[in-house]
């Protein structure tokens, strides 16, 4: 009787473990296909980048007035430098993209950046 109960517990636990591994694998595949990798899961929706931080990331903190062209130029420059294929960092590319989007949004909303 006890052996039967132990076998049932082991079988049930194994089934749950296999299902959770399958779900995690599927989620990892979806993230990889979207190009976000592990960073997608670590992004916090509540934490927004400030325009000041975005300017620092793009190296525009000493520029008095920032234009869309300035943002795009620095974005392309930094994205090329940090290309993972050339030994760059995917994390930095995500931060650079976030900075670009933050500053573009601020410009669109008419905020002074």
PDB file of N, CA and C in Angstrom:
ATOM      1  N   UNK A   1       0.815  -1.189   0.000  1.00  0.00           N
ATOM      2  CA  UNK A   1       0.000   0.000   0.000  1.00  0.00           C
ATOM      3  C   UNK A   1       0.861   1.255   0.000  1.00  0.00           C
ATOM      4  N   UNK A   2       1.887   1.294   0.852  1.00  0.00           N
ATOM      5  CA  UNK A   2       2.763   2.466   0.927  1.00  0.00           C
ATOM      6  C   UNK A   2       3.564   2.626  -0.357  1.00  0.00           C
ATOM      7  N   UNK A   3       3.996   1.513  -0.940  1.00  0.00           N
ATOM      8  CA  UNK A   3       4.756   1.572  -2.189  1.00  0.00           C
ATOM      9  C   UNK A   3       3.901   2.138  -3.307  1.00  0.00           C
ATOM     10  N   UNK A   4       2.643   1.794  -3.301  1.00  0.00           N
ATOM     11  CA  UNK A   4       1.718   2.288  -4.311  1.00  0.00           C
ATOM     12  C   UNK A   4       1.538   3.803  -4.163  1.00  0.00           C
ATOM     13  N   UNK A   5       1.417   4.281  -2.939  1.00  0.00           N
ATOM     14  CA  UNK A   5       1.256   5.711  -2.656  1.00  0.00           C
ATOM     15  C   UNK A   5       2.515   6.479  -3.058  1.00  0.00           C
ATOM     16  N   UNK A   6       3.672   5.945  -2.737  1.00  0.00           N
ATOM     17  CA  UNK A   6       4.937   6.590  -3.104  1.00  0.00           C
ATOM     18  C   UNK A   6       5.082   6.636  -4.612  1.00  0.00           C
ATOM     19  N   UNK A   7       4.749   5.559  -5.286  1.00  0.00           N
ATOM     20  CA  UNK A   7       4.833   5.525  -6.752  1.00  0.00           C
ATOM     21  C   UNK A   7       3.903   6.565  -7.366  1.00  0.00           C
ATOM     22  N   UNK A   8       2.706   6.714  -6.812  1.00  0.00           N
ATOM     23  CA  UNK A   8       1.743   7.696  -7.312  1.00  0.00           C
ATOM     24  C   UNK A   8       2.270   9.123  -7.115  1.00  0.00           C
ATOM     25  N   UNK A   9       2.871   9.395  -5.962  1.00  0.00           N
ATOM     26  CA  UNK A   9       3.430  10.724  -5.680  1.00  0.00           C
ATOM     27  C   UNK A   9       4.587  11.028  -6.637  1.00  0.00           C
ATOM     28  N   UNK A  10       5.458  10.064  -6.831  1.00  0.00           N
ATOM     29  CA  UNK A  10       6.596  10.240  -7.732  1.00  0.00           C
ATOM     30  C   UNK A  10       6.119  10.478  -9.161  1.00  0.00           C
ATOM     31  N   UNK A  11       5.145   9.705  -9.604  1.00  0.00           N
ATOM     32  CA  UNK A  11       4.606   9.848 -10.961  1.00  0.00           C
ATOM     33  C   UNK A  11       3.962  11.222 -11.142  1.00  0.00           C
ATOM     34  N   UNK A  12       3.165  11.660 -10.179  1.00  0.00           N
ATOM     35  CA  UNK A  12       2.498  12.961 -10.260  1.00  0.00           C
ATOM     36  C   UNK A  12       3.520  14.091 -10.252  1.00  0.00           C
ATOM     37  N   UNK A  13       4.504  14.004  -9.375  1.00  0.00           N
ATOM     38  CA  UNK A  13       5.550  15.032  -9.313  1.00  0.00           C
ATOM     39  C   UNK A  13       6.331  15.094 -10.615  1.00  0.00           C
ATOM     40  N   UNK A  14       6.636  13.955 -11.181  1.00  0.00           N
ATOM     41  CA  UNK A  14       7.362  13.907 -12.453  1.00  0.00           C
ATOM     42  C   UNK A  14       6.566  14.536 -13.575  1.00  0.00           C
ATOM     43  N   UNK A  15       5.268  14.283 -13.599  1.00  0.00           N
ATOM     44  CA  UNK A  15       4.397  14.858 -14.624  1.00  0.00           C
ATOM     45  C   UNK A  15       4.368  16.381 -14.521  1.00  0.00           C
ATOM     46  N   UNK A  16       4.237  16.882 -13.312  1.00  0.00           N
ATOM     47  CA  UNK A  16       4.214  18.333 -13.095  1.00  0.00           C
ATOM     48  C   UNK A  16       5.553  18.952 -13.510  1.00  0.00           C
ATOM     49  N   UNK A  17       6.625  18.300 -13.158  1.00  0.00           N
ATOM     50  CA  UNK A  17       7.955  18.803 -13.510  1.00  0.00           C
ATOM     51  C   UNK A  17       8.142  18.857 -15.026  1.00  0.00           C
ATOM     52  N   UNK A  18       7.748  17.807 -15.709  1.00  0.00           N
ATOM     53  CA  UNK A  18       7.887  17.765 -17.170  1.00  0.00           C
ATOM     54  C   UNK A  18       7.054  18.863 -17.824  1.00  0.00           C
ATOM     55  N   UNK A  19       5.833  19.069 -17.352  1.00  0.00           N
ATOM     56  CA  UNK A  19       4.969  20.114 -17.916  1.00  0.00           C
ATOM     57  C   UNK A  19       5.556  21.505 -17.697  1.00  0.00           C
ATOM     58  N   UNK A  20       6.094  21.750 -16.517  1.00  0.00           N
ATOM     59  CA  UNK A  20       6.664  23.076 -16.252  1.00  0.00           C
ATOM     60  C   UNK A  20       7.907  23.322 -17.108  1.00  0.00           C
ATOM     61  N   UNK A  21       8.695  22.288 -17.333  1.00  0.00           N
ATOM     62  CA  UNK A  21       9.873  22.422 -18.209  1.00  0.00           C
ATOM     63  C   UNK A  21       9.432  22.697 -19.635  1.00  0.00           C
ATOM     64  N   UNK A  22       8.381  22.011 -20.086  1.00  0.00           N
ATOM     65  CA  UNK A  22       7.869  22.244 -21.432  1.00  0.00           C
ATOM     66  C   UNK A  22       7.379  23.680 -21.595  1.00  0.00           C
ATOM     67  N   UNK A  23       6.655  24.188 -20.613  1.00  0.00           N
ATOM     68  CA  UNK A  23       6.140  25.556 -20.683  1.00  0.00           C
ATOM     69  C   UNK A  23       7.284  26.567 -20.690  1.00  0.00           C
ATOM     70  N   UNK A  24       8.285  26.348 -19.859  1.00  0.00           N
ATOM     71  CA  UNK A  24       9.439  27.258 -19.821  1.00  0.00           C
ATOM     72  C   UNK A  24      10.184  27.248 -21.150  1.00  0.00           C
ATOM     73  N   UNK A  25      10.309  26.081 -21.751  1.00  0.00           N
ATOM     74  CA  UNK A  25      10.991  25.959 -23.039  1.00  0.00           C
ATOM     75  C   UNK A  25      10.217  26.692 -24.139  1.00  0.00           C
ATOM     76  N   UNK A  26       8.894  26.520 -24.150  1.00  0.00           N
ATOM     77  CA  UNK A  26       8.069  27.223 -25.136  1.00  0.00           C
ATOM     78  C   UNK A  26       8.187  28.733 -24.980  1.00  0.00           C
ATOM     79  N   UNK A  27       8.176  29.196 -23.742  1.00  0.00           N
ATOM     80  CA  UNK A  27       8.295  30.627 -23.486  1.00  0.00           C
ATOM     81  C   UNK A  27       9.667  31.143 -23.930  1.00  0.00           C
ATOM     82  N   UNK A  28      10.706  30.386 -23.690  1.00  0.00           N
ATOM     83  CA  UNK A  28      12.044  30.778 -24.121  1.00  0.00           C
ATOM     84  C   UNK A  28      12.135  30.854 -25.636  1.00  0.00           C
ATOM     85  N   UNK A  29      11.501  29.914 -26.317  1.00  0.00           N
ATOM     86  CA  UNK A  29      11.478  29.945 -27.783  1.00  0.00           C
ATOM     87  C   UNK A  29      10.754  31.176 -28.309  1.00  0.00           C
ATOM     88  N   UNK A  30       9.627  31.519 -27.701  1.00  0.00           N
ATOM     89  CA  UNK A  30       8.881  32.703 -28.128  1.00  0.00           C
ATOM     90  C   UNK A  30       9.702  33.970 -27.924  1.00  0.00           C
ATOM     91  N   UNK A  31      10.399  34.062 -26.800  1.00  0.00           N
ATOM     92  CA  UNK A  31      11.234  35.229 -26.537  1.00  0.00           C
ATOM     93  C   UNK A  31      12.391  35.293 -27.514  1.00  0.00           C
ATOM     94  N   UNK A  32      12.968  34.151 -27.839  1.00  0.00           N
ATOM     95  CA  UNK A  32      14.087  34.126 -28.778  1.00  0.00           C
ATOM     96  C   UNK A  32      13.624  34.559 -30.164  1.00  0.00           C
ATOM     97  N   UNK A  33      12.442  34.113 -30.569  1.00  0.00           N
ATOM     98  CA  UNK A  33      11.908  34.484 -31.873  1.00  0.00           C
ATOM     99  C   UNK A  33      11.608  35.978 -31.954  1.00  0.00           C
ATOM    100  N   UNK A  34      11.188  36.567 -30.816  1.00  0.00           N
ATOM    101  CA  UNK A  34      10.867  37.996 -30.823  1.00  0.00           C
ATOM    102  C   UNK A  34      12.130  38.855 -30.759  1.00  0.00           C
ATOM    103  N   UNK A  35      13.278  38.222 -30.528  1.00  0.00           N
ATOM    104  CA  UNK A  35      14.537  38.951 -30.495  1.00  0.00           C
ATOM    105  C   UNK A  35      14.858  39.574 -29.158  1.00  0.00           C
ATOM    106  N   UNK A  36      14.044  39.320 -28.161  1.00  0.00           N
ATOM    107  CA  UNK A  36      14.263  39.935 -26.858  1.00  0.00           C
ATOM    108  C   UNK A  36      15.112  39.069 -25.931  1.00  0.00           C
ATOM    109  N   UNK A  37      15.146  37.792 -26.139  1.00  0.00           N
ATOM    110  CA  UNK A  37      15.950  36.909 -25.305  1.00  0.00           C
ATOM    111  C   UNK A  37      15.547  36.973 -23.848  1.00  0.00           C
ATOM    112  N   UNK A  38      16.489  36.826 -22.968  1.00  0.00           N
ATOM    113  CA  UNK A  38      16.222  36.815 -21.533  1.00  0.00           C
ATOM    114  C   UNK A  38      15.823  38.180 -21.019  1.00  0.00           C
ATOM    115  N   UNK A  39      16.162  39.216 -21.734  1.00  0.00           N
ATOM    116  CA  UNK A  39      15.852  40.568 -21.269  1.00  0.00           C
ATOM    117  C   UNK A  39      14.358  40.822 -21.240  1.00  0.00           C
ATOM    118  N   UNK A  40      13.582  40.139 -22.041  1.00  0.00           N
ATOM    119  CA  UNK A  40      12.136  40.360 -22.080  1.00  0.00           C
ATOM    120  C   UNK A  40      11.511  40.027 -20.736  1.00  0.00           C
ATOM    121  N   UNK A  41      11.966  38.983 -20.117  1.00  0.00           N
ATOM    122  CA  UNK A  41      11.407  38.604 -18.841  1.00  0.00           C
ATOM    123  C   UNK A  41      11.872  39.477 -17.700  1.00  0.00           C
ATOM    124  N   UNK A  42      12.984  40.134 -17.847  1.00  0.00           N
ATOM    125  CA  UNK A  42      13.519  40.928 -16.755  1.00  0.00           C
ATOM    126  C   UNK A  42      13.078  42.385 -16.800  1.00  0.00           C
ATOM    127  N   UNK A  43      12.405  42.802 -17.864  1.00  0.00           N
ATOM    128  CA  UNK A  43      11.965  44.185 -17.969  1.00  0.00           C
ATOM    129  C   UNK A  43      10.784  44.414 -17.047  1.00  0.00           C
ATOM    130  N   UNK A  44      10.830  45.479 -16.290  1.00  0.00           N
ATOM    131  CA  UNK A  44       9.763  45.824 -15.378  1.00  0.00           C
ATOM    132  C   UNK A  44       8.918  46.911 -16.015  1.00  0.00           C
ATOM    133  N   UNK A  45       7.618  46.672 -16.101  1.00  0.00           N
ATOM    134  CA  UNK A  45       6.727  47.619 -16.753  1.00  0.00           C
ATOM    135  C   UNK A  45       6.674  48.925 -15.977  1.00  0.00           C
ATOM    136  N   UNK A  46       6.807  48.872 -14.656  1.00  0.00           N
ATOM    137  CA  UNK A  46       6.693  50.056 -13.824  1.00  0.00           C
ATOM    138  C   UNK A  46       7.895  50.981 -13.960  1.00  0.00           C
ATOM    139  N   UNK A  47       9.055  50.446 -14.262  1.00  0.00           N
ATOM    140  CA  UNK A  47      10.249  51.278 -14.321  1.00  0.00           C
ATOM    141  C   UNK A  47      10.383  51.898 -15.703  1.00  0.00           C
ATOM    142  N   UNK A  48      10.247  53.206 -15.744  1.00  0.00           N
ATOM    143  CA  UNK A  48      10.395  53.926 -17.002  1.00  0.00           C
ATOM    144  C   UNK A  48      11.695  54.695 -16.960  1.00  0.00           C
ATOM    145  N   UNK A  49      12.285  54.812 -18.112  1.00  0.00           N
ATOM    146  CA  UNK A  49      13.524  55.557 -18.222  1.00  0.00           C
ATOM    147  C   UNK A  49      13.189  57.041 -18.297  1.00  0.00           C
ATOM    148  N   UNK A  50      13.927  57.834 -17.567  1.00  0.00           N
ATOM    149  CA  UNK A  50      13.722  59.280 -17.633  1.00  0.00           C
ATOM    150  C   UNK A  50      14.493  59.836 -18.826  1.00  0.00           C
ATOM    151  N   UNK A  51      14.032  60.969 -19.355  1.00  0.00           N
ATOM    152  CA  UNK A  51      14.771  61.581 -20.459  1.00  0.00           C
ATOM    153  C   UNK A  51      16.222  61.926 -20.084  1.00  0.00           C
ATOM    154  N   UNK A  52      16.451  62.246 -18.824  1.00  0.00           N
ATOM    155  CA  UNK A  52      17.815  62.560 -18.375  1.00  0.00           C
ATOM    156  C   UNK A  52      18.699  61.316 -18.492  1.00  0.00           C
ATOM    157  N   UNK A  53      18.172  60.182 -18.021  1.00  0.00           N
ATOM    158  CA  UNK A  53      18.916  58.924 -18.123  1.00  0.00           C
ATOM    159  C   UNK A  53      19.125  58.542 -19.583  1.00  0.00           C
ATOM    160  N   UNK A  54      18.085  58.745 -20.391  1.00  0.00           N
ATOM    161  CA  UNK A  54      18.178  58.410 -21.816  1.00  0.00           C
ATOM    162  C   UNK A  54      19.246  59.247 -22.511  1.00  0.00           C
ATOM    163  N   UNK A  55      19.324  60.524 -22.160  1.00  0.00           N
ATOM    164  CA  UNK A  55      20.357  61.391 -22.748  1.00  0.00           C
ATOM    165  C   UNK A  55      21.755  60.910 -22.360  1.00  0.00           C
ATOM    166  N   UNK A  56      21.900  60.484 -21.107  1.00  0.00           N
ATOM    167  CA  UNK A  56      23.204  59.976 -20.657  1.00  0.00           C
ATOM    168  C   UNK A  56      23.590  58.711 -21.408  1.00  0.00           C
ATOM    169  N   UNK A  57      22.632  57.811 -21.600  1.00  0.00           N
ATOM    170  CA  UNK A  57      22.909  56.555 -22.288  1.00  0.00           C
ATOM    171  C   UNK A  57      23.371  56.820 -23.719  1.00  0.00           C
ATOM    172  N   UNK A  58      22.716  57.770 -24.384  1.00  0.00           N
ATOM    173  CA  UNK A  58      23.070  58.073 -25.772  1.00  0.00           C
ATOM    174  C   UNK A  58      24.231  59.060 -25.882  1.00  0.00           C
ATOM    175  N   UNK A  59      24.733  59.546 -24.751  1.00  0.00           N
ATOM    176  CA  UNK A  59      25.860  60.473 -24.778  1.00  0.00           C
ATOM    177  C   UNK A  59      25.458  61.864 -25.235  1.00  0.00           C
ATOM    178  N   UNK A  60      24.232  62.252 -24.936  1.00  0.00           N
ATOM    179  CA  UNK A  60      23.729  63.561 -25.355  1.00  0.00           C
ATOM    180  C   UNK A  60      23.487  64.490 -24.170  1.00  0.00           C
ATOM    181  N   UNK A  61      24.086  64.186 -23.014  1.00  0.00           N
ATOM    182  CA  UNK A  61      23.818  64.995 -21.824  1.00  0.00           C
ATOM    183  C   UNK A  61      24.398  66.408 -21.920  1.00  0.00           C
ATOM    184  N   UNK A  62      25.411  66.614 -22.746  1.00  0.00           N
ATOM    185  CA  UNK A  62      26.023  67.937 -22.870  1.00  0.00           C
ATOM    186  C   UNK A  62      25.492  68.748 -24.050  1.00  0.00           C
ATOM    187  N   UNK A  63      24.539  68.184 -24.787  1.00  0.00           N
ATOM    188  CA  UNK A  63      23.938  68.886 -25.923  1.00  0.00           C
ATOM    189  C   UNK A  63      22.763  69.698 -25.393  1.00  0.00           C
ATOM    190  N   UNK A  64      22.715  70.998 -25.745  1.00  0.00           N
ATOM    191  CA  UNK A  64      21.655  71.854 -25.204  1.00  0.00           C
ATOM    192  C   UNK A  64      20.276  71.452 -25.695  1.00  0.00           C
ATOM    193  N   UNK A  65      20.078  71.442 -26.992  1.00  0.00           N
ATOM    194  CA  UNK A  65      18.791  71.022 -27.544  1.00  0.00           C
ATOM    195  C   UNK A  65      19.010  69.770 -28.390  1.00  0.00           C
ATOM    196  N   UNK A  66      18.239  68.761 -28.089  1.00  0.00           N
ATOM    197  CA  UNK A  66      18.390  67.480 -28.760  1.00  0.00           C
ATOM    198  C   UNK A  66      17.315  67.361 -29.840  1.00  0.00           C
ATOM    199  N   UNK A  67      17.742  67.043 -31.046  1.00  0.00           N
ATOM    200  CA  UNK A  67      16.799  66.853 -32.148  1.00  0.00           C
ATOM    201  C   UNK A  67      16.631  65.360 -32.428  1.00  0.00           C
ATOM    202  N   UNK A  68      15.604  65.050 -33.201  1.00  0.00           N
ATOM    203  CA  UNK A  68      15.362  63.660 -33.594  1.00  0.00           C
ATOM    204  C   UNK A  68      16.564  63.110 -34.361  1.00  0.00           C
ATOM    205  N   UNK A  69      17.175  63.954 -35.169  1.00  0.00           N
ATOM    206  CA  UNK A  69      18.342  63.540 -35.952  1.00  0.00           C
ATOM    207  C   UNK A  69      19.522  63.203 -35.039  1.00  0.00           C
ATOM    208  N   UNK A  70      19.715  64.012 -33.984  1.00  0.00           N
ATOM    209  CA  UNK A  70      20.792  63.737 -33.015  1.00  0.00           C
ATOM    210  C   UNK A  70      20.579  62.376 -32.357  1.00  0.00           C
ATOM    211  N   UNK A  71      19.339  62.133 -31.955  1.00  0.00           N
ATOM    212  CA  UNK A  71      18.997  60.870 -31.284  1.00  0.00           C
ATOM    213  C   UNK A  71      19.265  59.697 -32.218  1.00  0.00           C
ATOM    214  N   UNK A  72      18.762  59.800 -33.453  1.00  0.00           N
ATOM    215  CA  UNK A  72      18.924  58.704 -34.416  1.00  0.00           C
ATOM    216  C   UNK A  72      20.387  58.451 -34.762  1.00  0.00           C
ATOM    217  N   UNK A  73      21.151  59.527 -34.890  1.00  0.00           N
ATOM    218  CA  UNK A  73      22.576  59.385 -35.223  1.00  0.00           C
ATOM    219  C   UNK A  73      23.318  58.634 -34.121  1.00  0.00           C
ATOM    220  N   UNK A  74      23.122  59.059 -32.862  1.00  0.00           N
ATOM    221  CA  UNK A  74      23.793  58.407 -31.734  1.00  0.00           C
ATOM    222  C   UNK A  74      23.292  56.973 -31.547  1.00  0.00           C
ATOM    223  N   UNK A  75      22.002  56.780 -31.768  1.00  0.00           N
ATOM    224  CA  UNK A  75      21.411  55.440 -31.646  1.00  0.00           C
ATOM    225  C   UNK A  75      22.087  54.479 -32.624  1.00  0.00           C
ATOM    226  N   UNK A  76      22.151  54.862 -33.882  1.00  0.00           N
ATOM    227  CA  UNK A  76      22.761  53.990 -34.900  1.00  0.00           C
ATOM    228  C   UNK A  76      24.238  53.742 -34.613  1.00  0.00           C
ATOM    229  N   UNK A  77      24.917  54.783 -34.182  1.00  0.00           N
ATOM    230  CA  UNK A  77      26.341  54.679 -33.861  1.00  0.00           C
ATOM    231  C   UNK A  77      26.573  53.679 -32.719  1.00  0.00           C
ATOM    232  N   UNK A  78      25.820  53.844 -31.628  1.00  0.00           N
ATOM    233  CA  UNK A  78      26.000  52.987 -30.458  1.00  0.00           C
ATOM    234  C   UNK A  78      25.509  51.554 -30.708  1.00  0.00           C
ATOM    235  N   UNK A  79      24.452  51.422 -31.498  1.00  0.00           N
ATOM    236  CA  UNK A  79      23.949  50.089 -31.810  1.00  0.00           C
ATOM    237  C   UNK A  79      24.974  49.302 -32.616  1.00  0.00           C
ATOM    238  N   UNK A  80      25.636  49.970 -33.547  1.00  0.00           N
ATOM    239  CA  UNK A  80      26.668  49.320 -34.360  1.00  0.00           C
ATOM    240  C   UNK A  80      27.856  48.908 -33.493  1.00  0.00           C
ATOM    241  N   UNK A  81      28.280  49.792 -32.617  1.00  0.00           N
ATOM    242  CA  UNK A  81      29.428  49.512 -31.746  1.00  0.00           C
ATOM    243  C   UNK A  81      29.143  48.321 -30.828  1.00  0.00           C
ATOM    244  N   UNK A  82      27.899  48.210 -30.356  1.00  0.00           N
ATOM    245  CA  UNK A  82      27.539  47.171 -29.385  1.00  0.00           C
ATOM    246  C   UNK A  82      26.856  45.967 -30.013  1.00  0.00           C
ATOM    247  N   UNK A  83      27.118  45.702 -31.272  1.00  0.00           N
ATOM    248  CA  UNK A  83      26.527  44.549 -31.945  1.00  0.00           C
ATOM    249  C   UNK A  83      27.074  43.259 -31.331  1.00  0.00           C
ATOM    250  N   UNK A  84      26.188  42.384 -30.825  1.00  0.00           N
ATOM    251  CA  UNK A  84      26.649  41.125 -30.223  1.00  0.00           C
ATOM    252  C   UNK A  84      27.481  40.256 -31.165  1.00  0.00           C
ATOM    253  N   UNK A  85      27.277  40.391 -32.460  1.00  0.00           N
ATOM    254  CA  UNK A  85      28.061  39.607 -33.420  1.00  0.00           C
ATOM    255  C   UNK A  85      29.531  40.017 -33.401  1.00  0.00           C
ATOM    256  N   UNK A  86      29.787  41.249 -32.970  1.00  0.00           N
ATOM    257  CA  UNK A  86      31.153  41.748 -32.897  1.00  0.00           C
ATOM    258  C   UNK A  86      31.658  41.822 -31.461  1.00  0.00           C
ATOM    259  N   UNK A  87      31.024  41.068 -30.574  1.00  0.00           N
ATOM    260  CA  UNK A  87      31.450  41.040 -29.179  1.00  0.00           C
ATOM    261  C   UNK A  87      30.757  42.066 -28.310  1.00  0.00           C
ATOM    262  N   UNK A  88      29.738  42.721 -28.831  1.00  0.00           N
ATOM    263  CA  UNK A  88      28.995  43.713 -28.056  1.00  0.00           C
ATOM    264  C   UNK A  88      27.998  43.048 -27.117  1.00  0.00           C
ATOM    265  N   UNK A  89      27.192  43.880 -26.489  1.00  0.00           N
ATOM    266  CA  UNK A  89      26.273  43.411 -25.467  1.00  0.00           C
ATOM    267  C   UNK A  89      24.817  43.608 -25.892  1.00  0.00           C
ATOM    268  N   UNK A  90      24.038  42.533 -25.812  1.00  0.00           N
ATOM    269  CA  UNK A  90      22.607  42.621 -26.104  1.00  0.00           C
ATOM    270  C   UNK A  90      21.920  43.506 -25.062  1.00  0.00           C
ATOM    271  N   UNK A  91      22.386  43.423 -23.819  1.00  0.00           N
ATOM    272  CA  UNK A  91      21.827  44.247 -22.749  1.00  0.00           C
ATOM    273  C   UNK A  91      21.985  45.731 -23.083  1.00  0.00           C
ATOM    274  N   UNK A  92      23.178  46.112 -23.526  1.00  0.00           N
ATOM    275  CA  UNK A  92      23.407  47.516 -23.875  1.00  0.00           C
ATOM    276  C   UNK A  92      22.558  47.936 -25.065  1.00  0.00           C
ATOM    277  N   UNK A  93      22.383  47.051 -26.018  1.00  0.00           N
ATOM    278  CA  UNK A  93      21.541  47.378 -27.166  1.00  0.00           C
ATOM    279  C   UNK A  93      20.101  47.637 -26.727  1.00  0.00           C
ATOM    280  N   UNK A  94      19.631  46.879 -25.772  1.00  0.00           N
ATOM    281  CA  UNK A  94      18.276  47.078 -25.261  1.00  0.00           C
ATOM    282  C   UNK A  94      18.181  48.422 -24.543  1.00  0.00           C
ATOM    283  N   UNK A  95      19.193  48.757 -23.742  1.00  0.00           N
ATOM    284  CA  UNK A  95      19.202  50.057 -23.058  1.00  0.00           C
ATOM    285  C   UNK A  95      19.252  51.207 -24.066  1.00  0.00           C
ATOM    286  N   UNK A  96      20.043  51.054 -25.113  1.00  0.00           N
ATOM    287  CA  UNK A  96      20.167  52.080 -26.153  1.00  0.00           C
ATOM    288  C   UNK A  96      18.829  52.255 -26.877  1.00  0.00           C
ATOM    289  N   UNK A  97      18.175  51.164 -27.196  1.00  0.00           N
ATOM    290  CA  UNK A  97      16.863  51.231 -27.853  1.00  0.00           C
ATOM    291  C   UNK A  97      15.831  51.890 -26.943  1.00  0.00           C
ATOM    292  N   UNK A  98      15.879  51.549 -25.671  1.00  0.00           N
ATOM    293  CA  UNK A  98      14.966  52.164 -24.701  1.00  0.00           C
ATOM    294  C   UNK A  98      15.187  53.664 -24.599  1.00  0.00           C
ATOM    295  N   UNK A  99      16.452  54.072 -24.636  1.00  0.00           N
ATOM    296  CA  UNK A  99      16.777  55.493 -24.570  1.00  0.00           C
ATOM    297  C   UNK A  99      16.235  56.233 -25.795  1.00  0.00           C
ATOM    298  N   UNK A 100      16.404  55.615 -26.944  1.00  0.00           N
ATOM    299  CA  UNK A 100      15.894  56.226 -28.184  1.00  0.00           C
ATOM    300  C   UNK A 100      14.383  56.398 -28.108  1.00  0.00           C
ATOM    301  N   UNK A 101      13.684  55.335 -27.703  1.00  0.00           N
ATOM    302  CA  UNK A 101      12.231  55.395 -27.630  1.00  0.00           C
ATOM    303  C   UNK A 101      11.766  56.413 -26.586  1.00  0.00           C
ATOM    304  N   UNK A 102      12.462  56.490 -25.475  1.00  0.00           N
ATOM    305  CA  UNK A 102      12.124  57.452 -24.427  1.00  0.00           C
ATOM    306  C   UNK A 102      12.231  58.887 -24.952  1.00  0.00           C
ATOM    307  N   UNK A 103      13.341  59.185 -25.611  1.00  0.00           N
ATOM    308  CA  UNK A 103      13.544  60.541 -26.116  1.00  0.00           C
ATOM    309  C   UNK A 103      12.593  60.867 -27.270  1.00  0.00           C
ATOM    310  N   UNK A 104      12.326  59.908 -28.130  1.00  0.00           N
ATOM    311  CA  UNK A 104      11.368  60.140 -29.216  1.00  0.00           C
ATOM    312  C   UNK A 104       9.982  60.430 -28.644  1.00  0.00           C
ATOM    313  N   UNK A 105       9.596  59.676 -27.620  1.00  0.00           N
ATOM    314  CA  UNK A 105       8.287  59.895 -26.981  1.00  0.00           C
ATOM    315  C   UNK A 105       8.227  61.271 -26.334  1.00  0.00           C
ATOM    316  N   UNK A 106       9.309  61.649 -25.670  1.00  0.00           N
ATOM    317  CA  UNK A 106       9.342  62.956 -25.013  1.00  0.00           C
ATOM    318  C   UNK A 106       9.233  64.081 -26.051  1.00  0.00           C
ATOM    319  N   UNK A 107       9.923  63.923 -27.164  1.00  0.00           N
ATOM    320  CA  UNK A 107       9.832  64.932 -28.233  1.00  0.00           C
ATOM    321  C   UNK A 107       8.419  64.986 -28.808  1.00  0.00           C
ATOM    322  N   UNK A 108       7.826  63.830 -28.994  1.00  0.00           N
ATOM    323  CA  UNK A 108       6.478  63.749 -29.563  1.00  0.00           C
ATOM    324  C   UNK A 108       5.458  64.422 -28.646  1.00  0.00           C
ATOM    325  N   UNK A 109       5.665  64.274 -27.337  1.00  0.00           N
ATOM    326  CA  UNK A 109       4.753  64.864 -26.353  1.00  0.00           C
ATOM    327  C   UNK A 109       5.042  66.343 -26.123  1.00  0.00           C
ATOM    328  N   UNK A 110       6.086  66.856 -26.754  1.00  0.00           N
ATOM    329  CA  UNK A 110       6.423  68.263 -26.626  1.00  0.00           C
ATOM    330  C   UNK A 110       7.198  68.612 -25.368  1.00  0.00           C
ATOM    331  N   UNK A 111       7.723  67.599 -24.689  1.00  0.00           N
ATOM    332  CA  UNK A 111       8.509  67.845 -23.482  1.00  0.00           C
ATOM    333  C   UNK A 111       9.887  68.364 -23.865  1.00  0.00           C
ATOM    334  N   UNK A 112      10.432  69.211 -23.000  1.00  0.00           N
ATOM    335  CA  UNK A 112      11.798  69.681 -23.221  1.00  0.00           C
ATOM    336  C   UNK A 112      12.738  68.629 -22.669  1.00  0.00           C
ATOM    337  N   UNK A 113      13.666  68.201 -23.531  1.00  0.00           N
ATOM    338  CA  UNK A 113      14.602  67.163 -23.080  1.00  0.00           C
ATOM    339  C   UNK A 113      16.028  67.657 -23.133  1.00  0.00           C
TER     340      UNK A 113
END
